[in-house]
C-alpha atoms as a PDB file:
ATOM      1  CA  MET A   1      -2.981 -27.568  -2.737  1.00  0.00           C
ATOM      2  CA  ASN A   2      -4.640 -26.102  -5.764  1.00  0.00           C
ATOM      3  CA  LEU A   3      -3.938 -22.599  -7.170  1.00  0.00           C
ATOM      4  CA  SER A   4      -6.436 -20.696  -9.172  1.00  0.00           C
ATOM      5  CA  PHE A   5      -6.911 -16.932 -10.497  1.00  0.00           C
ATOM      6  CA  HIS A   6      -9.902 -14.491 -10.778  1.00  0.00           C
ATOM      7  CA  VAL A   7      -9.653 -11.353 -13.158  1.00  0.00           C
ATOM      8  CA  VAL A   8     -11.876  -8.443 -11.799  1.00  0.00           C
ATOM      9  CA  ASP A   9     -12.342  -4.652 -12.699  1.00  0.00           C
ATOM     10  CA  LEU A  10     -12.235  -2.279  -9.629  1.00  0.00           C
ATOM     11  CA  PRO A  11     -14.649   1.076 -10.460  1.00  0.00           C
ATOM     12  CA  LEU A  12     -13.527   4.010  -8.959  1.00  0.00           C
ATOM     13  CA  LYS A  13     -15.936   6.474  -7.851  1.00  0.00           C
ATOM     14  CA  HIS A  14     -13.956   9.167  -9.008  1.00  0.00           C
ATOM     15  CA  THR A  15     -10.979   9.541 -11.596  1.00  0.00           C
ATOM     16  CA  PHE A  16      -7.818   9.124  -9.517  1.00  0.00           C
ATOM     17  CA  THR A  17      -4.775  10.910 -10.619  1.00  0.00           C
ATOM     18  CA  ILE A  18      -1.456  11.431  -9.355  1.00  0.00           C
ATOM     19  CA  ALA A  19       1.732  12.850 -11.102  1.00  0.00           C
ATOM     20  CA  HIS A  20       2.161  10.300 -13.862  1.00  0.00           C
ATOM     21  CA  GLN A  21      -1.393   8.715 -14.489  1.00  0.00           C
ATOM     22  CA  SER A  22      -5.160   8.894 -14.332  1.00  0.00           C
ATOM     23  CA  ARG A  23      -7.593   6.027 -13.969  1.00  0.00           C
ATOM     24  CA  ASP A  24     -11.407   5.282 -13.661  1.00  0.00           C
ATOM     25  CA  VAL A  25     -11.018   1.432 -13.658  1.00  0.00           C
ATOM     26  CA  GLN A  26      -8.375  -0.655 -11.735  1.00  0.00           C
ATOM     27  CA  ASP A  27      -7.817  -4.020 -12.535  1.00  0.00           C
ATOM     28  CA  THR A  28      -6.183  -6.561 -10.087  1.00  0.00           C
ATOM     29  CA  LEU A  29      -5.852 -10.463  -9.914  1.00  0.00           C
ATOM     30  CA  ILE A  30      -7.388 -12.624  -7.269  1.00  0.00           C
ATOM     31  CA  VAL A  31      -5.251 -15.457  -6.383  1.00  0.00           C
ATOM     32  CA  LYS A  32      -6.604 -18.738  -4.305  1.00  0.00           C
ATOM     33  CA  LEU A  33      -4.929 -21.297  -2.619  1.00  0.00           C
ATOM     34  CA  GLN A  34      -7.469 -24.332  -1.900  1.00  0.00           C
ATOM     35  CA  ASP A  35      -6.099 -27.075   0.176  1.00  0.00           C
ATOM     36  CA  GLY A  36      -9.111 -29.320   1.036  1.00  0.00           C
ATOM     37  CA  ALA A  37     -11.796 -27.377   3.173  1.00  0.00           C
ATOM     38  CA  PHE A  38      -8.976 -24.617   3.725  1.00  0.00           C
ATOM     39  CA  TYR A  39      -8.598 -22.024   1.309  1.00  0.00           C
ATOM     40  CA  GLY A  40      -6.599 -18.545   1.556  1.00  0.00           C
ATOM     41  CA  LEU A  41      -7.155 -15.364  -0.684  1.00  0.00           C
ATOM     42  CA  GLY A  42      -4.518 -13.095  -1.915  1.00  0.00           C
ATOM     43  CA  GLU A  43      -4.601  -9.745  -4.488  1.00  0.00           C
ATOM     44  CA  SER A  44      -2.131  -7.620  -6.900  1.00  0.00           C
ATOM     45  CA  THR A  45      -3.615  -4.751  -8.640  1.00  0.00           C
ATOM     46  CA  THR A  46      -2.151  -4.348 -12.199  1.00  0.00           C
ATOM     47  CA  ASN A  47       0.373  -1.455 -12.664  1.00  0.00           C
ATOM     48  CA  PRO A  48       1.766   0.337 -16.096  1.00  0.00           C
ATOM     49  CA  PHE A  49       4.030   2.288 -14.256  1.00  0.00           C
ATOM     50  CA  TYR A  50       5.967  -0.868 -12.753  1.00  0.00           C
ATOM     51  CA  GLY A  51       5.160  -2.683 -16.303  1.00  0.00           C
ATOM     52  CA  MET A  52       2.771  -5.119 -14.355  1.00  0.00           C
ATOM     53  CA  THR A  53      -0.494  -6.585 -16.194  1.00  0.00           C
ATOM     54  CA  ILE A  54      -2.772  -9.337 -15.674  1.00  0.00           C
ATOM     55  CA  THR A  55      -1.001 -11.367 -18.214  1.00  0.00           C
ATOM     56  CA  ASN A  56       2.433 -11.353 -16.966  1.00  0.00           C
ATOM     57  CA  MET A  57       1.453 -11.696 -13.568  1.00  0.00           C
ATOM     58  CA  MET A  58      -0.702 -14.973 -14.437  1.00  0.00           C
ATOM     59  CA  GLU A  59       2.163 -16.427 -16.912  1.00  0.00           C
ATOM     60  CA  CYS A  60       4.359 -15.951 -14.283  1.00  0.00           C
ATOM     61  CA  LEU A  61       1.961 -18.051 -11.358  1.00  0.00           C
ATOM     62  CA  GLU A  62       1.585 -20.201 -14.103  1.00  0.00           C
ATOM     63  CA  LYS A  63       5.213 -21.447 -14.484  1.00  0.00           C
ATOM     64  CA  PHE A  64       5.374 -21.744 -10.477  1.00  0.00           C
ATOM     65  CA  ARG A  65       2.421 -23.818  -9.980  1.00  0.00           C
ATOM     66  CA  PRO A  66       4.294 -26.831 -10.007  1.00  0.00           C
ATOM     67  CA  VAL A  67       5.859 -25.713  -6.860  1.00  0.00           C
ATOM     68  CA  VAL A  68       2.965 -24.519  -5.446  1.00  0.00           C
ATOM     69  CA  GLU A  69       0.755 -27.131  -5.832  1.00  0.00           C
ATOM     70  CA  LYS A  70       3.525 -30.265  -5.158  1.00  0.00           C
ATOM     71  CA  GLY A  71       6.700 -28.558  -3.702  1.00  0.00           C
ATOM     72  CA  LYS A  72       8.043 -29.159  -0.051  1.00  0.00           C
ATOM     73  CA  TRP A  73       6.778 -26.095   1.791  1.00  0.00           C
ATOM     74  CA  GLU A  74       4.782 -25.825   4.974  1.00  0.00           C
ATOM     75  CA  THR A  75       5.007 -21.637   5.615  1.00  0.00           C
ATOM     76  CA  PRO A  76       4.647 -18.365   3.616  1.00  0.00           C
ATOM     77  CA  ALA A  77       8.433 -17.613   4.158  1.00  0.00           C
ATOM     78  CA  GLU A  78       9.168 -21.387   2.577  1.00  0.00           C
ATOM     79  CA  LEU A  79       6.906 -20.615  -0.514  1.00  0.00           C
ATOM     80  CA  TRP A  80       8.334 -17.104  -0.693  1.00  0.00           C
ATOM     81  CA  ASP A  81      12.076 -18.363  -0.886  1.00  0.00           C
ATOM     82  CA  LEU A  82      11.360 -20.960  -3.109  1.00  0.00           C
ATOM     83  CA  GLY A  83       9.960 -18.446  -5.678  1.00  0.00           C
ATOM     84  CA  ARG A  84      12.717 -15.905  -4.917  1.00  0.00           C
ATOM     85  CA  GLU A  85      14.597 -16.448  -8.439  1.00  0.00           C
ATOM     86  CA  ALA A  86      11.048 -17.368 -10.247  1.00  0.00           C
ATOM     87  CA  PHE A  87       9.095 -14.002  -9.299  1.00  0.00           C
ATOM     88  CA  LYS A  88      12.286 -11.785  -9.367  1.00  0.00           C
ATOM     89  CA  GLU A  89      10.440  -9.723 -12.319  1.00  0.00           C
ATOM     90  CA  ASN A  90       7.009  -9.927 -10.827  1.00  0.00           C
ATOM     91  CA  PRO A  91       6.522  -9.075  -7.490  1.00  0.00           C
ATOM     92  CA  PHE A  92       3.125  -8.446  -7.993  1.00  0.00           C
ATOM     93  CA  ALA A  93       2.584 -11.670  -8.962  1.00  0.00           C
ATOM     94  CA  GLN A  94       4.361 -12.981  -5.833  1.00  0.00           C
ATOM     95  CA  CYS A  95       2.704 -10.631  -3.775  1.00  0.00           C
ATOM     96  CA  ALA A  96      -0.871 -12.164  -4.726  1.00  0.00           C
ATOM     97  CA  LEU A  97       0.496 -15.813  -3.642  1.00  0.00           C
ATOM     98  CA  ASP A  98       2.011 -14.861  -0.642  1.00  0.00           C
ATOM     99  CA  MET A  99      -0.995 -13.128   0.681  1.00  0.00           C
ATOM    100  CA  ALA A 100      -2.803 -16.063  -0.135  1.00  0.00           C
ATOM    101  CA  ALA A 101      -0.183 -18.415   1.681  1.00  0.00           C
ATOM    102  CA  TRP A 102      -0.774 -16.382   4.748  1.00  0.00           C
ATOM    103  CA  ASP A 103      -4.492 -16.726   4.626  1.00  0.00           C
ATOM    104  CA  ILE A 104      -4.423 -20.299   4.268  1.00  0.00           C
ATOM    105  CA  TYR A 105      -1.603 -20.868   6.811  1.00  0.00           C
ATOM    106  CA  SER A 106      -2.971 -18.689   9.499  1.00  0.00           C
ATOM    107  CA  LYS A 107      -6.404 -20.191   9.171  1.00  0.00           C
ATOM    108  CA  LYS A 108      -5.215 -23.908   9.584  1.00  0.00           C
ATOM    109  CA  PHE A 109      -3.615 -22.595  12.919  1.00  0.00           C
ATOM    110  CA  GLY A 110      -7.217 -21.580  13.402  1.00  0.00           C
ATOM    111  CA  LYS A 111      -6.195 -18.070  14.225  1.00  0.00           C
ATOM    112  CA  LYS A 112      -6.487 -14.228  12.516  1.00  0.00           C
ATOM    113  CA  LEU A 113      -3.560 -13.208  10.858  1.00  0.00           C
ATOM    114  CA  TYR A 114      -2.729 -10.750  13.642  1.00  0.00           C
ATOM    115  CA  GLU A 115      -3.167 -13.121  16.275  1.00  0.00           C
ATOM    116  CA  LEU A 116      -0.526 -15.287  14.278  1.00  0.00           C
ATOM    117  CA  LEU A 117       1.600 -12.500  14.248  1.00  0.00           C
ATOM    118  CA  ALA A 118       0.892 -11.633  18.137  1.00  0.00           C
ATOM    119  CA  LEU A 119      -0.185  -8.119  17.167  1.00  0.00           C
ATOM    120  CA  ASN A 120      -2.858  -5.985  18.914  1.00  0.00           C
ATOM    121  CA  PRO A 121      -5.633  -4.475  16.621  1.00  0.00           C
ATOM    122  CA  ALA A 122      -5.865  -1.508  19.138  1.00  0.00           C
ATOM    123  CA  ASP A 123      -2.396  -0.467  18.028  1.00  0.00           C
ATOM    124  CA  ILE A 124      -3.749   0.183  14.595  1.00  0.00           C
ATOM    125  CA  PRO A 125      -2.773   4.020  13.400  1.00  0.00           C
ATOM    126  CA  LEU A 126      -5.761   5.823  11.717  1.00  0.00           C
ATOM    127  CA  THR A 127      -5.782   5.283   7.871  1.00  0.00           C
ATOM    128  CA  ASN A 128      -5.571   8.636   5.815  1.00  0.00           C
ATOM    129  CA  PHE A 129      -7.856   8.856   3.006  1.00  0.00           C
ATOM    130  CA  THR A 130      -6.506   9.744  -0.601  1.00  0.00           C
ATOM    131  CA  ILE A 131      -7.361  12.829  -2.700  1.00  0.00           C
ATOM    132  CA  GLY A 132      -6.045  12.364  -5.826  1.00  0.00           C
ATOM    133  CA  ILE A 133      -4.949  15.406  -8.299  1.00  0.00           C
ATOM    134  CA  ASP A 134      -7.692  17.399  -9.849  1.00  0.00           C
ATOM    135  CA  THR A 135      -9.251  21.206  -9.914  1.00  0.00           C
ATOM    136  CA  VAL A 136      -9.451  22.552  -6.656  1.00  0.00           C
ATOM    137  CA  GLU A 137     -12.762  22.462  -6.855  1.00  0.00           C
ATOM    138  CA  LYS A 138     -13.222  19.238  -7.193  1.00  0.00           C
ATOM    139  CA  MET A 139     -10.590  17.931  -4.658  1.00  0.00           C
ATOM    140  CA  VAL A 140     -12.843  20.013  -1.970  1.00  0.00           C
ATOM    141  CA  ALA A 141     -15.436  18.192  -3.122  1.00  0.00           C
ATOM    142  CA  LYS A 142     -14.180  14.790  -2.798  1.00  0.00           C
ATOM    143  CA  MET A 143     -12.752  15.933   0.651  1.00  0.00           C
ATOM    144  CA  LYS A 144     -16.578  17.248   1.755  1.00  0.00           C
ATOM    145  CA  GLU A 145     -17.842  13.936   0.438  1.00  0.00           C
ATOM    146  CA  VAL A 146     -15.867  11.840   2.978  1.00  0.00           C
ATOM    147  CA  HIS A 147     -15.286  13.545   6.452  1.00  0.00           C
ATOM    148  CA  TRP A 148     -12.163  12.264   7.609  1.00  0.00           C
ATOM    149  CA  PRO A 149      -9.241  13.021  10.152  1.00  0.00           C
ATOM    150  CA  ILE A 150      -6.307  12.686   7.845  1.00  0.00           C
ATOM    151  CA  TYR A 151      -5.865  13.308   4.360  1.00  0.00           C
ATOM    152  CA  LYS A 152      -3.333  12.413   1.671  1.00  0.00           C
ATOM    153  CA  ILE A 153      -3.115  14.590  -0.847  1.00  0.00           C
ATOM    154  CA  LYS A 154      -1.310  13.928  -4.360  1.00  0.00           C
ATOM    155  CA  LEU A 155       0.294  16.810  -5.732  1.00  0.00           C
ATOM    156  CA  GLY A 156       2.694  17.576  -8.572  1.00  0.00           C
ATOM    157  CA  THR A 157       1.221  20.069 -10.096  1.00  0.00           C
ATOM    158  CA  SER A 158       2.331  23.794 -11.050  1.00  0.00           C
ATOM    159  CA  ASP A 159       0.053  24.854  -8.494  1.00  0.00           C
ATOM    160  CA  ASP A 160       0.720  22.812  -5.526  1.00  0.00           C
ATOM    161  CA  LEU A 161       1.215  24.955  -2.646  1.00  0.00           C
ATOM    162  CA  ALA A 162      -2.207  27.054  -3.824  1.00  0.00           C
ATOM    163  CA  ILE A 163      -4.211  23.825  -3.316  1.00  0.00           C
ATOM    164  CA  ILE A 164      -3.355  23.077  -0.013  1.00  0.00           C
ATOM    165  CA  ARG A 165      -3.686  26.400   0.915  1.00  0.00           C
ATOM    166  CA  GLU A 166      -7.448  26.129  -0.580  1.00  0.00           C
ATOM    167  CA  LEU A 167      -7.954  22.834   0.835  1.00  0.00           C
ATOM    168  CA  ARG A 168      -6.821  24.445   4.062  1.00  0.00           C
ATOM    169  CA  LYS A 169      -9.590  26.641   3.917  1.00  0.00           C
ATOM    170  CA  HIS A 170     -12.271  23.770   4.344  1.00  0.00           C
ATOM    171  CA  THR A 171     -11.039  21.303   7.362  1.00  0.00           C
ATOM    172  CA  ASP A 172      -8.853  21.211  10.798  1.00  0.00           C
ATOM    173  CA  ALA A 173      -7.788  17.655   9.533  1.00  0.00           C
ATOM    174  CA  VAL A 174      -4.238  16.646   9.387  1.00  0.00           C
ATOM    175  CA  PHE A 175      -2.800  16.840   5.505  1.00  0.00           C
ATOM    176  CA  ARG A 176      -0.355  14.256   4.498  1.00  0.00           C
ATOM    177  CA  ILE A 177       1.389  15.312   0.610  1.00  0.00           C
ATOM    178  CA  ASP A 178       2.327  12.780  -1.830  1.00  0.00           C
ATOM    179  CA  ALA A 179       4.323  14.617  -4.593  1.00  0.00           C
ATOM    180  CA  ASN A 180       5.383  11.158  -6.716  1.00  0.00           C
ATOM    181  CA  CYS A 181       8.977  12.078  -7.555  1.00  0.00           C
ATOM    182  CA  ALA A 182       7.191  15.634  -9.055  1.00  0.00           C
ATOM    183  CA  TRP A 183       9.506  18.176  -7.762  1.00  0.00           C
ATOM    184  CA  THR A 184      13.305  19.413  -7.674  1.00  0.00           C
ATOM    185  CA  ALA A 185      15.220  19.445  -4.203  1.00  0.00           C
ATOM    186  CA  GLU A 186      15.046  23.396  -4.321  1.00  0.00           C
ATOM    187  CA  GLN A 187      10.920  23.325  -5.016  1.00  0.00           C
ATOM    188  CA  ALA A 188      10.523  20.390  -1.975  1.00  0.00           C
ATOM    189  CA  ILE A 189      13.033  22.289   0.618  1.00  0.00           C
ATOM    190  CA  ALA A 190      10.505  26.104  -0.047  1.00  0.00           C
ATOM    191  CA  TYR A 191       7.175  24.019  -0.410  1.00  0.00           C
ATOM    192  CA  SER A 192       8.345  22.344   3.059  1.00  0.00           C
ATOM    193  CA  ILE A 193       8.230  25.609   5.023  1.00  0.00           C
ATOM    194  CA  GLU A 194       5.022  26.665   3.913  1.00  0.00           C
ATOM    195  CA  LEU A 195       3.491  23.055   4.003  1.00  0.00           C
ATOM    196  CA  GLU A 196       4.628  23.230   7.681  1.00  0.00           C
ATOM    197  CA  LYS A 197       2.254  26.040   8.502  1.00  0.00           C
ATOM    198  CA  LEU A 198      -0.594  24.680   6.861  1.00  0.00           C
ATOM    199  CA  GLY A 199      -0.660  21.742   8.982  1.00  0.00           C
ATOM    200  CA  VAL A 200       1.113  19.421   6.982  1.00  0.00           C
ATOM    201  CA  GLU A 201       2.446  16.221   8.877  1.00  0.00           C
ATOM    202  CA  PHE A 202       5.031  14.682   6.207  1.00  0.00           C
ATOM    203  CA  MET A 203       5.999  14.461   2.462  1.00  0.00           C
ATOM    204  CA  GLU A 204       5.905  11.462   0.548  1.00  0.00           C
ATOM    205  CA  GLN A 205       8.534  11.208  -1.899  1.00  0.00           C
ATOM    206  CA  PRO A 206       9.215  14.554  -3.465  1.00  0.00           C
ATOM    207  CA  LEU A 207      12.160  13.815  -5.601  1.00  0.00           C
ATOM    208  CA  GLY A 208      12.659  10.836  -8.238  1.00  0.00           C
ATOM    209  CA  LYS A 209      13.744   7.955  -6.964  1.00  0.00           C
ATOM    210  CA  ASP A 210      17.316   8.032  -8.384  1.00  0.00           C
ATOM    211  CA  ASP A 211      18.045  11.839  -7.369  1.00  0.00           C
ATOM    212  CA  LEU A 212      19.900  11.003  -4.030  1.00  0.00           C
ATOM    213  CA  GLU A 213      21.999  14.091  -3.970  1.00  0.00           C
ATOM    214  CA  GLY A 214      18.971  15.791  -3.975  1.00  0.00           C
ATOM    215  CA  MET A 215      17.418  13.883  -0.944  1.00  0.00           C
ATOM    216  CA  LYS A 216      20.250  14.613   0.811  1.00  0.00           C
ATOM    217  CA  GLU A 217      19.629  18.310   0.492  1.00  0.00           C
ATOM    218  CA  VAL A 218      15.932  17.644   1.241  1.00  0.00           C
ATOM    219  CA  TYR A 219      16.471  15.465   4.147  1.00  0.00           C
ATOM    220  CA  LYS A 220      18.965  17.879   5.902  1.00  0.00           C
ATOM    221  CA  HIS A 221      16.848  21.227   5.186  1.00  0.00           C
ATOM    222  CA  SER A 222      13.114  20.246   4.971  1.00  0.00           C
ATOM    223  CA  LYS A 223      10.952  21.419   7.696  1.00  0.00           C
ATOM    224  CA  LEU A 224       9.237  18.060   7.468  1.00  0.00           C
ATOM    225  CA  PRO A 225       9.617  14.672   7.652  1.00  0.00           C
ATOM    226  CA  ILE A 226      10.524  13.022   4.759  1.00  0.00           C
ATOM    227  CA  ILE A 227       8.586   9.078   3.581  1.00  0.00           C
ATOM    228  CA  ALA A 228      10.136   7.084   1.077  1.00  0.00           C
ATOM    229  CA  ASP A 229       7.917   5.677  -1.538  1.00  0.00           C
ATOM    230  CA  GLU A 230       9.569   4.982  -5.066  1.00  0.00           C
ATOM    231  CA  SER A 231      12.701   5.150  -3.524  1.00  0.00           C
ATOM    232  CA  CYS A 232      12.248   1.815  -1.107  1.00  0.00           C
ATOM    233  CA  ILE A 233      10.534  -0.942  -3.171  1.00  0.00           C
ATOM    234  CA  VAL A 234      12.624  -4.070  -1.870  1.00  0.00           C
ATOM    235  CA  GLU A 235      14.189  -5.293   1.098  1.00  0.00           C
ATOM    236  CA  SER A 236      17.615  -3.876  -0.165  1.00  0.00           C
ATOM    237  CA  ASP A 237      16.397  -0.408  -0.409  1.00  0.00           C
ATOM    238  CA  VAL A 238      15.555   0.078   3.267  1.00  0.00           C
ATOM    239  CA  LYS A 239      19.037   0.729   4.233  1.00  0.00           C
ATOM    240  CA  LYS A 240      19.845   2.764   1.322  1.00  0.00           C
ATOM    241  CA  CYS A 241      16.711   5.123   2.313  1.00  0.00           C
ATOM    242  CA  HIS A 242      18.761   5.561   6.051  1.00  0.00           C
ATOM    243  CA  GLY A 243      20.136   9.008   6.148  1.00  0.00           C
ATOM    244  CA  LEU A 244      18.076  10.409   3.213  1.00  0.00           C
ATOM    245  CA  PHE A 245      14.489   9.289   4.792  1.00  0.00           C
ATOM    246  CA  HIS A 246      12.957   9.560   7.643  1.00  0.00           C
ATOM    247  CA  GLY A 247      10.742   6.780   6.982  1.00  0.00           C
ATOM    248  CA  VAL A 248       9.739   4.316   4.547  1.00  0.00           C
ATOM    249  CA  ASN A 249       6.307   3.735   3.003  1.00  0.00           C
ATOM    250  CA  VAL A 250       6.200   0.016   2.144  1.00  0.00           C
ATOM    251  CA  LYS A 251       3.653  -1.406  -0.447  1.00  0.00           C
ATOM    252  CA  LEU A 252       3.292  -4.953  -0.514  1.00  0.00           C
ATOM    253  CA  VAL A 253       2.408  -5.607  -4.217  1.00  0.00           C
ATOM    254  CA  LYS A 254       5.939  -3.847  -4.745  1.00  0.00           C
ATOM    255  CA  ALA A 255       7.808  -5.359  -2.261  1.00  0.00           C
ATOM    256  CA  GLY A 256       6.656  -9.084  -3.330  1.00  0.00           C
ATOM    257  CA  GLY A 257       4.127  -9.559  -0.127  1.00  0.00           C
ATOM    258  CA  ILE A 258       3.598  -9.799   3.405  1.00  0.00           C
ATOM    259  CA  THR A 259       6.877 -11.700   4.042  1.00  0.00           C
ATOM    260  CA  PRO A 260       9.323  -9.598   2.556  1.00  0.00           C
ATOM    261  CA  GLY A 261       6.837  -6.372   3.998  1.00  0.00           C
ATOM    262  CA  LEU A 262       7.695  -7.937   7.576  1.00  0.00           C
ATOM    263  CA  ARG A 263      10.916  -7.894   7.040  1.00  0.00           C
ATOM    264  CA  MET A 264      11.666  -4.522   5.724  1.00  0.00           C
ATOM    265  CA  ILE A 265       9.418  -2.780   8.559  1.00  0.00           C
ATOM    266  CA  HIS A 266      11.131  -4.523  11.211  1.00  0.00           C
ATOM    267  CA  GLU A 267      14.921  -3.504   9.437  1.00  0.00           C
ATOM    268  CA  ALA A 268      13.291   0.055   9.408  1.00  0.00           C
ATOM    269  CA  LYS A 269      12.505   0.185  13.042  1.00  0.00           C
ATOM    270  CA  GLU A 270      15.669  -0.849  13.719  1.00  0.00           C
ATOM    271  CA  LEU A 271      17.161   1.773  11.872  1.00  0.00           C
ATOM    272  CA  GLY A 272      15.284   4.342  13.799  1.00  0.00           C
ATOM    273  CA  MET A 273      12.852   5.229  10.888  1.00  0.00           C
ATOM    274  CA  LYS A 274       9.379   5.562  10.686  1.00  0.00           C
ATOM    275  CA  THR A 275       7.318   2.704   9.027  1.00  0.00           C
ATOM    276  CA  MET A 276       3.867   2.958   6.764  1.00  0.00           C
ATOM    277  CA  VAL A 277       2.369   0.560   4.482  1.00  0.00           C
ATOM    278  CA  GLY A 278       0.549   2.043   1.746  1.00  0.00           C
ATOM    279  CA  CYS A 279      -1.970   0.563  -0.791  1.00  0.00           C
ATOM    280  CA  MET A 280      -2.440   0.557  -4.710  1.00  0.00           C
ATOM    281  CA  THR A 281      -6.366   0.594  -4.704  1.00  0.00           C
ATOM    282  CA  GLU A 282      -7.297  -2.844  -4.037  1.00  0.00           C
ATOM    283  CA  SER A 283     -10.193  -4.373  -3.099  1.00  0.00           C
ATOM    284  CA  SER A 284     -11.384  -5.699   0.380  1.00  0.00           C
ATOM    285  CA  VAL A 285      -8.827  -8.218  -0.044  1.00  0.00           C
ATOM    286  CA  GLY A 286      -5.395  -6.663  -0.410  1.00  0.00           C
ATOM    287  CA  ILE A 287      -6.743  -3.785   2.440  1.00  0.00           C
ATOM    288  CA  THR A 288      -7.687  -6.254   4.926  1.00  0.00           C
ATOM    289  CA  ALA A 289      -4.543  -8.036   4.477  1.00  0.00           C
ATOM    290  CA  ILE A 290      -2.897  -4.982   5.463  1.00  0.00           C
ATOM    291  CA  ALA A 291      -4.683  -3.994   7.879  1.00  0.00           C
ATOM    292  CA  HIS A 292      -3.207  -7.267   9.959  1.00  0.00           C
ATOM    293  CA  ILE A 293       0.033  -6.031  10.045  1.00  0.00           C
ATOM    294  CA  ALA A 294      -1.044  -2.356  10.804  1.00  0.00           C
ATOM    295  CA  PRO A 295       0.074  -2.705  14.435  1.00  0.00           C
ATOM    296  CA  LEU A 296       3.249  -2.446  13.669  1.00  0.00           C
ATOM    297  CA  LEU A 297       3.013   1.332  11.904  1.00  0.00           C
ATOM    298  CA  ASP A 298       3.868   4.401  12.686  1.00  0.00           C
ATOM    299  CA  TYR A 299       1.075   5.527   9.320  1.00  0.00           C
ATOM    300  CA  VAL A 300      -1.032   3.417   7.265  1.00  0.00           C
ATOM    301  CA  ASP A 301      -2.233   3.904   3.916  1.00  0.00           C
ATOM    302  CA  MET A 302      -4.933   1.530   3.497  1.00  0.00           C
ATOM    303  CA  ASP A 303      -8.092   3.310   1.965  1.00  0.00           C
ATOM    304  CA  GLY A 304      -8.142   1.700  -1.399  1.00  0.00           C
ATOM    305  CA  ALA A 305     -11.276   0.065  -1.049  1.00  0.00           C
ATOM    306  CA  MET A 306     -13.117   3.005   0.521  1.00  0.00           C
ATOM    307  CA  LEU A 307     -11.760   4.714  -3.106  1.00  0.00           C
ATOM    308  CA  LEU A 308     -14.035   1.867  -5.265  1.00  0.00           C
ATOM    309  CA  SER A 309     -17.693   2.617  -6.262  1.00  0.00           C
ATOM    310  CA  LYS A 310     -17.973  -1.189  -5.864  1.00  0.00           C
ATOM    311  CA  ASP A 311     -16.102  -3.541  -4.051  1.00  0.00           C
ATOM    312  CA  PRO A 312     -15.968  -7.141  -5.204  1.00  0.00           C
ATOM    313  CA  ALA A 313     -14.972  -8.636  -2.154  1.00  0.00           C
ATOM    314  CA  LYS A 314     -15.743  -7.954   1.830  1.00  0.00           C
ATOM    315  CA  GLY A 315     -13.299  -7.642   4.669  1.00  0.00           C
ATOM    316  CA  VAL A 316     -12.126  -5.004   6.995  1.00  0.00           C
ATOM    317  CA  ILE A 317     -14.266  -2.294   7.642  1.00  0.00           C
ATOM    318  CA  ILE A 318     -12.322   0.829   8.735  1.00  0.00           C
ATOM    319  CA  THR A 319     -13.997   3.979  10.373  1.00  0.00           C
ATOM    320  CA  PRO A 320     -12.314   6.934  12.093  1.00  0.00           C
ATOM    321  CA  GLU A 321     -12.827   5.515  15.182  1.00  0.00           C
ATOM    322  CA  GLU A 322     -11.727   1.983  14.667  1.00  0.00           C
ATOM    323  CA  VAL A 323     -11.067  -1.012  12.559  1.00  0.00           C
ATOM    324  CA  ILE A 324     -13.658  -3.999  12.362  1.00  0.00           C
ATOM    325  CA  PHE A 325     -12.165  -7.122  11.048  1.00  0.00           C
ATOM    326  CA  PRO A 326     -14.316 -10.047   9.474  1.00  0.00           C
ATOM    327  CA  GLU A 327     -15.444 -12.973  11.853  1.00  0.00           C
ATOM    328  CA  GLY A 328     -13.410 -15.486   9.900  1.00  0.00           C
ATOM    329  CA  ASN A 329      -9.631 -16.743  10.785  1.00  0.00           C
ATOM    330  CA  GLY A 330      -7.065 -15.884   8.535  1.00  0.00           C
ATOM    331  CA  ILE A 331      -6.851 -12.562   6.775  1.00  0.00           C
ATOM    332  CA  GLY A 332     -10.559 -13.047   6.906  1.00  0.00           C
ATOM    333  CA  ALA A 333     -12.106 -11.389   3.377  1.00  0.00           C
ATOM    334  CA  GLU A 334     -14.140 -13.053   1.164  1.00  0.00           C
ATOM    335  CA  MET A 335     -15.437 -12.546  -2.449  1.00  0.00           C
ATOM    336  CA  ILE A 336     -19.016 -11.260  -3.214  1.00  0.00           C
ATOM    337  CA  VAL A 337     -18.091 -11.520  -7.332  1.00  0.00           C
ATOM    338  CA  LYS A 338     -17.388 -15.299  -7.967  1.00  0.00           C
END
């Protein structure tokens, strides 16, 4: 087994702004596992909010290289468990490795990943398309640029309700809103009343992740379902979110990959919570991986590659009507830029 890396800059079509950051380019790390004729690809983007950089991801993977290349592991779950301590502070790096492990593992079985997991791609919910924070005129223009049945609107400004009211004038699409921790409990409860009238399906992470008392009030009084994001990072967070949120958004890069992501999804379902998987503006490598587990979900946010002006990979094709998987086995994504 051989481990290698490839660093790529992902240029965005538009400046992408959320409540705590803006970016025009997203740098990402592609991990490759090669074993004879078989290889697997995985991906993780950097993220300054979580302190994840190309440098610290590569350093972490280099330290773990002997275990990957010479260790006694056969399944992705076994490799993930071997790396539990090594990647404790860097789940983003572990995600890229875990994703590559699932890719090569399912290829060796001669199956697509969703087949290996006994999932039906016909059950995949339609992804939303994300509109980042901008002037309301530019947000309307972005929405008109890509006609889509579901939009996820990033909020966290002083004019959040006015933005949604204006956007609603231009489409009948379903809205989902994501405040990225920007509101107070009082704001979230009050906004939920108006947002429900404006055709919003749910609110994602309205409060800071540590505002548990506030979330109790929002959960009790909100007119809309509340989905956890920043409050649900690792497996132990799922149970903590029960009774505070109606569902959880599992981000594979933050959780450490597909292996823990699947466990989180199943635990949330057992607790009667809605499940969602979100993306971090990955290329088609990471987005295609999400698509394979999407049949398990109630909601999915896998539009990251659609936000790029140039995708260095090819993989799943997403339309409002269907999700078209690449022909190959495993995850099936391929790098265009070598």
